[in-house]
Amino acid sequence: MPGRGPPPRRPAPLASRRWQRSPSVGRSHPPPAPGDRGAEGEGGEERGGAVGQRRPPPWRRGGSALGALRGVLGTASLCLAAGWALHTPGGVSLVVPQHNINATVAQNILLSVEYSCRGVATVEWKHVSSWGTTKIVEWKSGNYVNISTVYKDRVTTFENGSIQLLNVGMKDAGYYFITVTEEYGTNTYGTIIVNVYEIIYEDLHFVAVLFAFLAAVAAILICFMWLCNKSLHLFQKKTTHKLTASTTEEIELETMEC
């Protein structure tokens, strides 16, 4: 109609005229552009979560990367340490096959061990018991052997670190410690327990002596009984002879009287 003017202009939506305010962060965010609806749909959950939860600080967000870096550095350190250990000239190992040995008095025992090292080793044996600690022997492979005075002529050493004790007694019971020291400073230790018993041999000796004594007494009694029997037999024989002689005399006298 000729009397009507242009229609009134509708106001633009509030979101297009001003920025929306986030209730949690307190900052103003511009509305998404019309072409970003897809991005808004994909990232809506992330922004919605960010509205209700505060983002972690930057140093925490890089924690996973820092942990991975630390793991790589630790693995590299272990590899370097293993390589260094393989190329280091030192290192000594010791094997003790038997940790407990039972022996009897006057028996010979072998304290058996086996050591290995890359250099020249020094072997030392000590004896610890209720009577105290005594150094038995010390030797360096191919150089010297130093045997204690107490164990002179009673100890035999072997190249693998073993020793043999001859004619052990009750005082030889106890703990035997071996120390193998390599020339580069590394060392290792081993222990052997020795039990010494005063045995059966003495009991058997006592039984043998008792049996011999009883046998001797029995022999003496048998001899005594034989002598008694012999004496009695002789006595009876003499008595019988006397009776026979007296009877013969009486008969002769009676004959003469008649």
Protein backbone atom coordinates (compact mmCIF):
# COMPACT_ATOMS: atom_id res chain seq x y z
CA MET A 1 0.00 0.00 0.00
CA PRO A 2 1.16 3.50 -0.67
CA GLY A 3 0.71 4.64 2.95
CA ARG A 4 2.80 1.86 4.64
CA GLY A 5 6.54 2.13 5.11
CA PRO A 6 9.23 -0.63 5.10
CA PRO A 7 8.75 -3.39 7.69
CA PRO A 8 10.60 -2.93 10.96
CA ARG A 9 14.03 -4.54 11.13
CA ARG A 10 14.30 -7.53 13.52
CA PRO A 11 17.11 -7.32 16.05
CA ALA A 12 20.08 -9.65 15.64
CA PRO A 13 20.51 -12.53 18.15
CA LEU A 14 22.37 -11.77 21.32
CA ALA A 15 25.12 -14.31 20.50
CA SER A 16 26.00 -12.49 17.27
CA ARG A 17 26.13 -9.06 18.86
CA ARG A 18 28.26 -9.81 21.86
CA TRP A 19 30.55 -12.55 23.16
CA GLN A 20 29.29 -15.23 25.44
CA ARG A 21 30.68 -15.30 29.00
CA SER A 22 31.95 -18.58 30.44
CA PRO A 23 30.52 -19.14 33.91
CA SER A 24 33.60 -21.04 35.23
CA VAL A 25 36.61 -19.28 33.75
CA GLY A 26 35.21 -15.78 33.85
CA ARG A 27 36.48 -14.84 30.36
CA SER A 28 34.52 -13.79 27.33
CA HIS A 29 34.64 -16.14 24.34
CA PRO A 30 33.65 -15.09 20.84
CA PRO A 31 30.91 -17.14 19.24
CA PRO A 32 31.99 -19.74 16.76
CA ALA A 33 32.12 -18.77 13.16
CA PRO A 34 29.45 -20.20 10.86
CA GLY A 35 32.01 -22.38 9.11
CA ASP A 36 33.23 -23.88 12.37
CA ARG A 37 30.07 -25.74 13.30
CA GLY A 38 31.75 -29.07 12.60
CA ALA A 39 34.72 -28.16 14.77
CA GLU A 40 32.35 -27.01 17.44
CA GLY A 41 30.48 -30.30 17.28
CA GLU A 42 33.69 -32.34 17.48
CA GLY A 43 35.28 -30.26 20.18
CA GLY A 44 32.11 -29.58 22.11
CA GLU A 45 32.83 -32.24 24.66
CA GLU A 46 36.35 -30.92 25.18
CA ARG A 47 35.15 -27.34 25.66
CA GLY A 48 32.32 -28.53 27.83
CA GLY A 49 34.78 -30.44 29.98
CA ALA A 50 37.07 -27.42 30.09
CA VAL A 51 34.17 -25.31 31.35
CA GLY A 52 33.62 -27.61 34.35
CA GLN A 53 37.30 -28.52 34.98
CA ARG A 54 40.42 -26.40 35.14
CA ARG A 55 43.22 -27.27 32.75
CA PRO A 56 46.44 -28.71 34.25
CA PRO A 57 49.48 -26.41 34.41
CA PRO A 58 52.02 -26.59 31.57
CA TRP A 59 54.65 -28.50 33.61
CA ARG A 60 52.14 -31.28 34.32
CA ARG A 61 50.97 -31.50 30.73
CA GLY A 62 54.54 -32.43 29.71
CA GLY A 63 54.88 -35.17 32.40
CA SER A 64 54.40 -38.11 30.02
CA ALA A 65 57.14 -36.89 27.72
CA LEU A 66 59.47 -36.31 30.67
CA GLY A 67 58.80 -39.84 32.00
CA ALA A 68 59.56 -41.35 28.59
CA LEU A 69 62.80 -39.38 28.45
CA ARG A 70 63.78 -40.61 31.90
CA GLY A 71 63.08 -44.23 30.87
CA VAL A 72 65.30 -43.88 27.80
CA LEU A 73 68.11 -42.37 29.87
CA GLY A 74 67.83 -45.16 32.47
CA THR A 75 68.02 -47.86 29.82
CA ALA A 76 71.05 -46.20 28.24
CA SER A 77 72.77 -46.01 31.65
CA LEU A 78 72.18 -49.74 32.27
CA CYS A 79 73.60 -50.61 28.86
CA LEU A 80 76.69 -48.50 29.50
CA ALA A 81 77.18 -50.08 32.96
CA ALA A 82 76.87 -53.61 31.52
CA GLY A 83 79.38 -52.81 28.78
CA TRP A 84 81.79 -51.34 31.31
CA ALA A 85 81.48 -54.44 33.52
CA LEU A 86 82.19 -56.74 30.56
CA HIS A 87 85.32 -54.81 29.60
CA THR A 88 86.60 -54.36 33.18
CA PRO A 89 89.54 -56.75 33.86
CA GLY A 90 88.42 -57.44 37.47
CA GLY A 91 85.82 -59.85 38.84
CA VAL A 92 86.07 -63.03 40.93
CA SER A 93 83.61 -65.83 41.63
CA LEU A 94 83.66 -68.65 44.20
CA VAL A 95 81.73 -71.93 44.35
CA VAL A 96 81.51 -74.04 47.54
CA PRO A 97 80.04 -77.46 46.67
CA GLN A 98 79.71 -78.72 50.27
CA HIS A 99 78.98 -76.29 53.11
CA ASN A 100 78.80 -78.90 55.91
CA ILE A 101 81.35 -81.67 56.58
CA ASN A 102 81.13 -84.38 59.25
CA ALA A 103 84.37 -86.07 60.29
CA THR A 104 85.74 -88.32 63.00
CA VAL A 105 88.90 -87.99 65.07
CA ALA A 106 92.14 -88.76 63.18
CA GLN A 107 90.40 -88.51 59.80
CA ASN A 108 91.63 -86.47 56.79
CA ILE A 109 89.13 -83.99 55.36
CA LEU A 110 89.02 -81.95 52.14
CA LEU A 111 87.64 -78.40 52.20
CA SER A 112 86.66 -78.23 48.55
CA VAL A 113 86.06 -74.93 46.70
CA GLU A 114 86.43 -73.64 43.14
CA TYR A 115 87.24 -70.01 42.28
CA SER A 116 87.76 -68.19 39.00
CA CYS A 117 89.00 -64.68 38.19
CA ARG A 118 90.52 -62.72 35.33
CA GLY A 119 93.67 -61.80 37.23
CA VAL A 120 95.94 -63.29 39.89
CA ALA A 121 94.10 -64.01 43.14
CA THR A 122 95.17 -64.28 46.78
CA VAL A 123 93.52 -67.08 48.76
CA GLU A 124 93.23 -66.99 52.54
CA TRP A 125 91.73 -69.59 54.94
CA LYS A 126 90.77 -68.94 58.58
CA HIS A 127 89.39 -71.19 61.30
CA VAL A 128 86.90 -69.79 63.85
CA SER A 129 85.80 -71.86 66.85
CA SER A 130 85.18 -71.56 70.58
CA TRP A 131 88.97 -71.57 71.07
CA GLY A 132 89.38 -68.44 68.95
CA THR A 133 90.28 -67.41 65.39
CA THR A 134 93.33 -68.91 63.68
CA LYS A 135 94.78 -68.12 60.30
CA ILE A 136 95.50 -71.40 58.52
CA VAL A 137 97.13 -70.53 55.21
CA GLU A 138 97.48 -67.74 52.67
CA TRP A 139 98.86 -68.03 49.18
CA LYS A 140 99.02 -66.20 45.90
CA SER A 141 98.73 -68.26 42.77
CA GLY A 142 102.19 -69.03 41.44
CA ASN A 143 104.02 -66.83 43.99
CA TYR A 144 104.07 -68.00 47.61
CA VAL A 145 102.36 -70.23 50.19
CA ASN A 146 102.34 -69.08 53.82
CA ILE A 147 101.11 -71.81 56.22
CA SER A 148 100.57 -71.07 59.90
CA THR A 149 102.90 -72.77 62.39
CA VAL A 150 99.97 -74.50 64.09
CA TYR A 151 99.04 -76.21 60.82
CA LYS A 152 102.53 -77.07 59.59
CA ASP A 153 102.64 -80.55 58.01
CA ARG A 154 98.84 -80.80 58.36
CA VAL A 155 97.64 -78.68 55.40
CA THR A 156 97.84 -79.33 51.66
CA THR A 157 96.83 -76.55 49.23
CA PHE A 158 95.41 -76.89 45.73
CA GLU A 159 95.33 -74.53 42.75
CA ASN A 160 91.52 -74.23 42.76
CA GLY A 161 91.57 -72.84 46.34
CA SER A 162 90.80 -76.07 48.19
CA ILE A 163 92.80 -77.31 51.19
CA GLN A 164 93.13 -80.70 52.90
CA LEU A 165 93.44 -81.08 56.66
CA LEU A 166 95.24 -84.16 57.96
CA ASN A 167 94.56 -86.00 61.22
CA VAL A 168 91.77 -83.74 62.50
CA GLY A 169 90.93 -83.53 66.19
CA MET A 170 88.15 -82.13 68.31
CA LYS A 171 89.70 -78.64 68.18
CA ASP A 172 89.44 -78.63 64.39
CA ALA A 173 85.65 -78.41 64.59
CA GLY A 174 84.13 -75.02 63.75
CA TYR A 175 83.78 -72.55 60.88
CA TYR A 176 86.28 -72.29 58.03
CA PHE A 177 86.25 -69.01 56.09
CA ILE A 178 87.88 -68.57 52.69
CA THR A 179 88.58 -65.15 51.18
CA VAL A 180 89.60 -64.82 47.52
CA THR A 181 90.92 -61.36 46.64
CA GLU A 182 91.65 -60.45 43.05
CA GLU A 183 94.56 -58.17 42.17
CA TYR A 184 92.18 -55.38 41.07
CA GLY A 185 90.63 -55.24 44.54
CA THR A 186 87.45 -57.28 44.18
CA ASN A 187 86.95 -60.18 46.59
CA THR A 188 84.48 -62.87 47.58
CA TYR A 189 83.89 -65.07 50.61
CA GLY A 190 82.83 -68.64 51.44
CA THR A 191 82.11 -70.65 54.59
CA ILE A 192 82.37 -74.37 55.44
CA ILE A 193 81.19 -75.87 58.75
CA VAL A 194 83.17 -78.87 60.06
CA ASN A 195 81.81 -81.20 62.76
CA VAL A 196 84.28 -83.60 64.42
CA TYR A 197 83.07 -86.54 66.50
CA GLU A 198 85.00 -88.67 68.96
CA ILE A 199 83.65 -91.79 67.91
CA ILE A 200 82.77 -95.13 67.65
CA TYR A 201 86.41 -96.14 67.57
CA GLU A 202 86.83 -95.56 71.29
CA ASP A 203 83.61 -97.42 72.06
CA LEU A 204 84.75 -100.34 69.97
CA HIS A 205 88.11 -100.26 71.73
CA PHE A 206 86.39 -100.42 75.11
CA VAL A 207 84.21 -103.32 73.95
CA ALA A 208 87.24 -105.16 72.59
CA VAL A 209 89.15 -104.71 75.84
CA LEU A 210 86.17 -105.88 77.89
CA PHE A 211 85.73 -108.91 75.67
CA ALA A 212 89.43 -109.78 75.98
CA PHE A 213 89.24 -109.44 79.77
CA LEU A 214 86.19 -111.71 79.98
CA ALA A 215 87.85 -114.23 77.70
CA ALA A 216 90.94 -114.23 79.92
CA VAL A 217 88.85 -114.72 83.06
CA ALA A 218 86.95 -117.56 81.39
CA ALA A 219 90.22 -119.22 80.37
CA ILE A 220 91.58 -118.94 83.90
CA LEU A 221 88.39 -120.44 85.33
CA ILE A 222 88.53 -123.31 82.85
CA CYS A 223 92.14 -124.00 83.77
CA PHE A 224 91.33 -123.86 87.47
CA MET A 225 88.43 -126.26 87.03
CA TRP A 226 90.65 -128.62 85.05
CA LEU A 227 93.28 -128.59 87.78
CA CYS A 228 90.65 -129.20 90.45
CA ASN A 229 89.24 -132.10 88.50
CA LYS A 230 92.72 -133.53 87.97
CA SER A 231 93.57 -133.21 91.65
CA LEU A 232 90.32 -134.87 92.68
CA HIS A 233 90.93 -137.71 90.28
CA LEU A 234 94.42 -138.29 91.70
CA PHE A 235 93.09 -138.15 95.24
CA GLN A 236 90.38 -140.69 94.46
CA LYS A 237 92.94 -142.94 92.81
CA LYS A 238 95.25 -142.84 95.81
CA THR A 239 92.38 -143.47 98.20
CA THR A 240 91.22 -146.46 96.18
CA HIS A 241 94.76 -147.86 96.10
CA LYS A 242 95.07 -147.54 99.90
CA LEU A 243 91.75 -149.31 100.48
CA THR A 244 92.76 -152.11 98.16
CA ALA A 245 96.09 -152.55 99.94
CA SER A 246 94.50 -152.62 103.41
CA THR A 247 91.88 -155.13 102.29
CA THR A 248 94.58 -157.40 100.89
CA GLU A 249 96.52 -157.28 104.17
CA GLU A 250 93.46 -158.20 106.20
CA ILE A 251 92.75 -161.18 103.98
CA GLU A 252 96.33 -162.38 104.32
CA LEU A 253 96.19 -162.07 108.13
CA GLU A 254 92.95 -164.02 108.31
CA THR A 255 94.46 -166.74 106.14
CA MET A 256 97.50 -166.99 108.35
CA GLU A 257 95.39 -167.32 111.50
CA CYS A 258 93.44 -170.13 110.05
